[in-house]
């Protein structure tokens, strides 16, 4: 294998982030459409616009270093997006929103880790302009994660209240067989 240096690793990691951001550009509209909370849907739409800016910043860096941003598939982001898609298939209502927030926060944490890594590489390589651009994106990712955390409080409480209400209504029914079947379904869903 040919010897590579930190500069090549830096470019490789930037390509990974570029692909990840572009995958997210395709996933965010689906998440916004699936969300039942208007506030969550708007949050996904706002992050879509931010993500376009993230892609632009990465393209600016690639122009500066004379490299193409293409050529790498981010398998990590692909898996995270697939998990989000599964949530859309498996849940509805506030429970879906809670699942979407969880999926989105995993994406944000993945991105924050990636941007933290390339910032460290850029600092070591003396790429101060890149550090500034990448830090802008990292801060936006952190803000999005915080907004998701803030939204999750109300959404999780509502999802829990809806579940408790459904369980109470089921308990009122005289047929215990239906109640037991509902509990086993819930267990099998959570195990999936």
C-alpha atoms as a PDB file:
ATOM      1  CA  UNK A   1       0.000   0.000   0.000  1.00  0.00           C
ATOM      2  CA  UNK A   2       1.328   3.445  -0.920  1.00  0.00           C
ATOM      3  CA  UNK A   3       2.333   5.676   1.961  1.00  0.00           C
ATOM      4  CA  UNK A   4      -0.114   8.443   2.681  1.00  0.00           C
ATOM      5  CA  UNK A   5       0.251  11.415   4.951  1.00  0.00           C
ATOM      6  CA  UNK A   6      -2.070  13.468   7.139  1.00  0.00           C
ATOM      7  CA  UNK A   7      -3.019  15.676   4.182  1.00  0.00           C
ATOM      8  CA  UNK A   8      -4.371  12.649   2.273  1.00  0.00           C
ATOM      9  CA  UNK A   9      -6.236  11.436   5.344  1.00  0.00           C
ATOM     10  CA  UNK A  10      -7.684  14.933   5.797  1.00  0.00           C
ATOM     11  CA  UNK A  11      -8.927  14.986   2.180  1.00  0.00           C
ATOM     12  CA  UNK A  12     -10.345  11.471   2.566  1.00  0.00           C
ATOM     13  CA  UNK A  13     -12.257  12.474   5.715  1.00  0.00           C
ATOM     14  CA  UNK A  14     -13.551  15.623   4.001  1.00  0.00           C
ATOM     15  CA  UNK A  15     -14.832  13.466   1.118  1.00  0.00           C
ATOM     16  CA  UNK A  16     -16.593  11.239   3.637  1.00  0.00           C
ATOM     17  CA  UNK A  17     -18.274  14.278   5.224  1.00  0.00           C
ATOM     18  CA  UNK A  18     -19.202  15.656   1.808  1.00  0.00           C
ATOM     19  CA  UNK A  19     -20.948  12.421   0.906  1.00  0.00           C
ATOM     20  CA  UNK A  20     -22.613  12.261   4.325  1.00  0.00           C
ATOM     21  CA  UNK A  21     -23.989  15.798   3.953  1.00  0.00           C
ATOM     22  CA  UNK A  22     -25.288  15.006   0.460  1.00  0.00           C
ATOM     23  CA  UNK A  23     -27.036  11.880   1.721  1.00  0.00           C
ATOM     24  CA  UNK A  24     -28.613  14.029   4.415  1.00  0.00           C
ATOM     25  CA  UNK A  25     -29.869  16.484   1.773  1.00  0.00           C
ATOM     26  CA  UNK A  26     -31.957  13.617   0.387  1.00  0.00           C
ATOM     27  CA  UNK A  27     -33.122  12.293   3.769  1.00  0.00           C
ATOM     28  CA  UNK A  28     -34.190  15.527   5.501  1.00  0.00           C
ATOM     29  CA  UNK A  29     -37.210  16.241   3.243  1.00  0.00           C
ATOM     30  CA  UNK A  30     -38.516  12.728   3.949  1.00  0.00           C
ATOM     31  CA  UNK A  31     -38.057  13.247   7.688  1.00  0.00           C
ATOM     32  CA  UNK A  32     -39.806  16.630   7.523  1.00  0.00           C
ATOM     33  CA  UNK A  33     -42.729  15.082   5.658  1.00  0.00           C
ATOM     34  CA  UNK A  34     -43.000  12.151   8.073  1.00  0.00           C
ATOM     35  CA  UNK A  35     -42.918  14.257  11.254  1.00  0.00           C
ATOM     36  CA  UNK A  36     -46.331  14.829  12.830  1.00  0.00           C
ATOM     37  CA  UNK A  37     -45.094  17.729  14.967  1.00  0.00           C
ATOM     38  CA  UNK A  38     -45.155  20.939  12.970  1.00  0.00           C
ATOM     39  CA  UNK A  39     -42.264  22.301  15.011  1.00  0.00           C
ATOM     40  CA  UNK A  40     -40.160  19.187  14.285  1.00  0.00           C
ATOM     41  CA  UNK A  41     -41.035  19.303  10.593  1.00  0.00           C
ATOM     42  CA  UNK A  42     -39.991  22.964  10.414  1.00  0.00           C
ATOM     43  CA  UNK A  43     -36.788  22.095  12.283  1.00  0.00           C
ATOM     44  CA  UNK A  44     -35.912  19.469   9.663  1.00  0.00           C
ATOM     45  CA  UNK A  45     -36.642  21.957   6.866  1.00  0.00           C
ATOM     46  CA  UNK A  46     -34.422  24.575   8.521  1.00  0.00           C
ATOM     47  CA  UNK A  47     -31.634  22.035   8.921  1.00  0.00           C
ATOM     48  CA  UNK A  48     -31.993  21.161   5.244  1.00  0.00           C
ATOM     49  CA  UNK A  49     -31.119  24.771   4.395  1.00  0.00           C
ATOM     50  CA  UNK A  50     -28.197  24.683   6.844  1.00  0.00           C
ATOM     51  CA  UNK A  51     -26.971  21.441   5.307  1.00  0.00           C
ATOM     52  CA  UNK A  52     -26.857  23.100   1.889  1.00  0.00           C
ATOM     53  CA  UNK A  53     -24.489  25.615   3.479  1.00  0.00           C
ATOM     54  CA  UNK A  54     -22.392  22.784   4.929  1.00  0.00           C
ATOM     55  CA  UNK A  55     -22.028  21.280   1.455  1.00  0.00           C
ATOM     56  CA  UNK A  56     -21.053  24.684   0.042  1.00  0.00           C
ATOM     57  CA  UNK A  57     -18.366  25.174   2.697  1.00  0.00           C
ATOM     58  CA  UNK A  58     -16.919  21.753   1.934  1.00  0.00           C
ATOM     59  CA  UNK A  59     -16.940  22.543  -1.796  1.00  0.00           C
ATOM     60  CA  UNK A  60     -15.071  25.779  -1.043  1.00  0.00           C
ATOM     61  CA  UNK A  61     -12.407  23.807   0.833  1.00  0.00           C
ATOM     62  CA  UNK A  62     -12.081  21.304  -2.013  1.00  0.00           C
ATOM     63  CA  UNK A  63     -11.597  24.167  -4.492  1.00  0.00           C
ATOM     64  CA  UNK A  64      -8.869  25.640  -2.276  1.00  0.00           C
ATOM     65  CA  UNK A  65      -6.959  22.348  -2.146  1.00  0.00           C
ATOM     66  CA  UNK A  66      -7.585  21.534  -5.824  1.00  0.00           C
ATOM     67  CA  UNK A  67      -9.354  18.244  -5.123  1.00  0.00           C
ATOM     68  CA  UNK A  68     -12.673  16.753  -6.220  1.00  0.00           C
ATOM     69  CA  UNK A  69     -15.133  16.162  -3.362  1.00  0.00           C
ATOM     70  CA  UNK A  70     -16.479  13.021  -5.023  1.00  0.00           C
ATOM     71  CA  UNK A  71     -15.320   9.447  -4.831  1.00  0.00           C
ATOM     72  CA  UNK A  72     -16.191   8.292  -1.323  1.00  0.00           C
ATOM     73  CA  UNK A  73     -19.382   6.746   0.065  1.00  0.00           C
ATOM     74  CA  UNK A  74     -20.082   7.403   3.734  1.00  0.00           C
ATOM     75  CA  UNK A  75     -21.351   4.043   4.931  1.00  0.00           C
ATOM     76  CA  UNK A  76     -21.858   5.333   8.471  1.00  0.00           C
ATOM     77  CA  UNK A  77     -24.339   7.988   7.362  1.00  0.00           C
ATOM     78  CA  UNK A  78     -25.994   5.496   5.046  1.00  0.00           C
ATOM     79  CA  UNK A  79     -26.671   3.222   8.037  1.00  0.00           C
ATOM     80  CA  UNK A  80     -27.943   6.067  10.221  1.00  0.00           C
ATOM     81  CA  UNK A  81     -30.320   7.229   7.501  1.00  0.00           C
ATOM     82  CA  UNK A  82     -31.549   3.654   7.003  1.00  0.00           C
ATOM     83  CA  UNK A  83     -32.380   3.460  10.717  1.00  0.00           C
ATOM     84  CA  UNK A  84     -34.363   6.695  10.407  1.00  0.00           C
ATOM     85  CA  UNK A  85     -36.246   5.240   7.444  1.00  0.00           C
ATOM     86  CA  UNK A  86     -37.117   2.167   9.476  1.00  0.00           C
ATOM     87  CA  UNK A  87     -38.583   4.399  12.187  1.00  0.00           C
ATOM     88  CA  UNK A  88     -40.885   5.985   9.608  1.00  0.00           C
ATOM     89  CA  UNK A  89     -42.153   2.511   8.697  1.00  0.00           C
ATOM     90  CA  UNK A  90     -42.547   1.264  12.282  1.00  0.00           C
ATOM     91  CA  UNK A  91     -44.099   4.139  14.256  1.00  0.00           C
ATOM     92  CA  UNK A  92     -46.705   6.864  13.979  1.00  0.00           C
ATOM     93  CA  UNK A  93     -47.844   9.963  15.862  1.00  0.00           C
ATOM     94  CA  UNK A  94     -45.740  11.312  18.686  1.00  0.00           C
ATOM     95  CA  UNK A  95     -43.907   7.998  18.918  1.00  0.00           C
ATOM     96  CA  UNK A  96     -42.734   8.499  15.329  1.00  0.00           C
ATOM     97  CA  UNK A  97     -41.597  12.015  16.198  1.00  0.00           C
ATOM     98  CA  UNK A  98     -39.658  10.680  19.201  1.00  0.00           C
ATOM     99  CA  UNK A  99     -38.022   8.062  16.970  1.00  0.00           C
ATOM    100  CA  UNK A 100     -37.181  10.695  14.320  1.00  0.00           C
ATOM    101  CA  UNK A 101     -35.558  12.894  16.951  1.00  0.00           C
ATOM    102  CA  UNK A 102     -33.465   9.944  18.132  1.00  0.00           C
ATOM    103  CA  UNK A 103     -32.389   9.167  14.566  1.00  0.00           C
ATOM    104  CA  UNK A 104     -31.612  12.823  13.857  1.00  0.00           C
ATOM    105  CA  UNK A 105     -29.544  13.159  17.022  1.00  0.00           C
ATOM    106  CA  UNK A 106     -27.495  10.100  16.096  1.00  0.00           C
ATOM    107  CA  UNK A 107     -26.830  11.786  12.741  1.00  0.00           C
ATOM    108  CA  UNK A 108     -25.839  15.040  14.456  1.00  0.00           C
ATOM    109  CA  UNK A 109     -23.460  13.274  16.833  1.00  0.00           C
ATOM    110  CA  UNK A 110     -21.889  11.393  13.929  1.00  0.00           C
ATOM    111  CA  UNK A 111     -21.383  14.655  12.070  1.00  0.00           C
ATOM    112  CA  UNK A 112     -20.002  16.426  15.145  1.00  0.00           C
ATOM    113  CA  UNK A 113     -17.425  13.647  15.542  1.00  0.00           C
ATOM    114  CA  UNK A 114     -16.477  13.898  11.867  1.00  0.00           C
ATOM    115  CA  UNK A 115     -16.135  17.680  11.926  1.00  0.00           C
ATOM    116  CA  UNK A 116     -14.140  17.549  15.153  1.00  0.00           C
ATOM    117  CA  UNK A 117     -11.716  15.149  13.476  1.00  0.00           C
ATOM    118  CA  UNK A 118     -11.190  17.226  10.325  1.00  0.00           C
ATOM    119  CA  UNK A 119     -10.811  20.404  12.386  1.00  0.00           C
ATOM    120  CA  UNK A 120      -7.979  18.761  14.335  1.00  0.00           C
ATOM    121  CA  UNK A 121      -6.348  17.677  11.063  1.00  0.00           C
ATOM    122  CA  UNK A 122      -6.772  21.157   9.524  1.00  0.00           C
ATOM    123  CA  UNK A 123      -5.219  22.764  12.610  1.00  0.00           C
ATOM    124  CA  UNK A 124      -2.221  20.433  12.428  1.00  0.00           C
ATOM    125  CA  UNK A 125      -1.855  21.118   8.696  1.00  0.00           C
ATOM    126  CA  UNK A 126      -2.000  24.897   9.245  1.00  0.00           C
ATOM    127  CA  UNK A 127      -5.216  25.288   7.249  1.00  0.00           C
ATOM    128  CA  UNK A 128      -6.589  28.170   9.358  1.00  0.00           C
ATOM    129  CA  UNK A 129      -9.221  29.210   6.804  1.00  0.00           C
ATOM    130  CA  UNK A 130     -10.497  25.633   6.671  1.00  0.00           C
ATOM    131  CA  UNK A 131     -10.626  25.519  10.468  1.00  0.00           C
ATOM    132  CA  UNK A 132     -12.848  28.596  10.462  1.00  0.00           C
ATOM    133  CA  UNK A 133     -15.242  27.167   7.852  1.00  0.00           C
ATOM    134  CA  UNK A 134     -15.389  23.752   9.529  1.00  0.00           C
ATOM    135  CA  UNK A 135     -15.965  25.305  12.957  1.00  0.00           C
ATOM    136  CA  UNK A 136     -18.975  27.216  11.579  1.00  0.00           C
ATOM    137  CA  UNK A 137     -20.489  23.928  10.499  1.00  0.00           C
ATOM    138  CA  UNK A 138     -19.615  22.194  13.771  1.00  0.00           C
ATOM    139  CA  UNK A 139     -21.343  24.951  15.742  1.00  0.00           C
ATOM    140  CA  UNK A 140     -24.461  24.641  13.570  1.00  0.00           C
ATOM    141  CA  UNK A 141     -24.500  20.872  14.137  1.00  0.00           C
ATOM    142  CA  UNK A 142     -24.282  21.442  17.908  1.00  0.00           C
ATOM    143  CA  UNK A 143     -27.121  23.988  17.765  1.00  0.00           C
ATOM    144  CA  UNK A 144     -29.296  21.553  15.815  1.00  0.00           C
ATOM    145  CA  UNK A 145     -28.601  18.813  18.349  1.00  0.00           C
ATOM    146  CA  UNK A 146     -29.627  21.169  21.168  1.00  0.00           C
ATOM    147  CA  UNK A 147     -32.836  22.145  19.364  1.00  0.00           C
ATOM    148  CA  UNK A 148     -33.661  18.456  18.961  1.00  0.00           C
ATOM    149  CA  UNK A 149     -33.034  17.888  22.668  1.00  0.00           C
ATOM    150  CA  UNK A 150     -35.309  20.796  23.537  1.00  0.00           C
ATOM    151  CA  UNK A 151     -38.086  19.475  21.282  1.00  0.00           C
ATOM    152  CA  UNK A 152     -37.745  15.938  22.610  1.00  0.00           C
ATOM    153  CA  UNK A 153     -38.927  16.862  26.101  1.00  0.00           C
ATOM    154  CA  UNK A 154     -42.472  17.720  25.025  1.00  0.00           C
ATOM    155  CA  UNK A 155     -42.642  15.116  22.273  1.00  0.00           C
ATOM    156  CA  UNK A 156     -41.425  12.275  24.506  1.00  0.00           C
ATOM    157  CA  UNK A 157     -43.876  13.294  27.241  1.00  0.00           C
ATOM    158  CA  UNK A 158     -46.741  13.312  24.734  1.00  0.00           C
ATOM    159  CA  UNK A 159     -45.684   9.939  23.303  1.00  0.00           C
ATOM    160  CA  UNK A 160     -45.630   8.507  26.821  1.00  0.00           C
ATOM    161  CA  UNK A 161     -48.992  10.050  27.690  1.00  0.00           C
ATOM    162  CA  UNK A 162     -50.535   8.616  24.511  1.00  0.00           C
ATOM    163  CA  UNK A 163     -49.190   5.177  25.414  1.00  0.00           C
ATOM    164  CA  UNK A 164     -50.490   5.409  28.990  1.00  0.00           C
ATOM    165  CA  UNK A 165     -53.909   6.493  27.702  1.00  0.00           C
ATOM    166  CA  UNK A 166     -53.993   3.574  25.256  1.00  0.00           C
ATOM    167  CA  UNK A 167     -52.999   1.135  27.998  1.00  0.00           C
ATOM    168  CA  UNK A 168     -55.678   2.513  30.332  1.00  0.00           C
ATOM    169  CA  UNK A 169     -58.339   2.130  27.638  1.00  0.00           C
ATOM    170  CA  UNK A 170     -57.191  -1.411  26.909  1.00  0.00           C
ATOM    171  CA  UNK A 171     -57.303  -2.278  30.619  1.00  0.00           C
ATOM    172  CA  UNK A 172     -60.942  -1.154  30.785  1.00  0.00           C
ATOM    173  CA  UNK A 173     -61.952  -3.753  28.193  1.00  0.00           C
ATOM    174  CA  UNK A 174     -63.234  -6.960  29.774  1.00  0.00           C
ATOM    175  CA  UNK A 175     -61.425  -9.273  27.338  1.00  0.00           C
ATOM    176  CA  UNK A 176     -58.017  -9.884  28.924  1.00  0.00           C
ATOM    177  CA  UNK A 177     -56.792 -11.797  25.857  1.00  0.00           C
ATOM    178  CA  UNK A 178     -56.724  -8.586  23.824  1.00  0.00           C
ATOM    179  CA  UNK A 179     -54.825  -6.782  26.564  1.00  0.00           C
ATOM    180  CA  UNK A 180     -52.164  -9.486  26.748  1.00  0.00           C
ATOM    181  CA  UNK A 181     -51.814  -9.538  22.965  1.00  0.00           C
ATOM    182  CA  UNK A 182     -51.227  -5.785  22.939  1.00  0.00           C
ATOM    183  CA  UNK A 183     -48.454  -6.106  25.500  1.00  0.00           C
ATOM    184  CA  UNK A 184     -46.693  -8.880  23.587  1.00  0.00           C
ATOM    185  CA  UNK A 185     -46.884  -6.833  20.375  1.00  0.00           C
ATOM    186  CA  UNK A 186     -45.291  -3.898  22.105  1.00  0.00           C
ATOM    187  CA  UNK A 187     -42.505  -6.101  23.436  1.00  0.00           C
ATOM    188  CA  UNK A 188     -41.825  -7.585  20.025  1.00  0.00           C
ATOM    189  CA  UNK A 189     -41.745  -4.113  18.448  1.00  0.00           C
ATOM    190  CA  UNK A 190     -39.252  -2.816  20.982  1.00  0.00           C
ATOM    191  CA  UNK A 191     -37.051  -5.855  20.446  1.00  0.00           C
ATOM    192  CA  UNK A 192     -36.906  -5.173  16.701  1.00  0.00           C
END
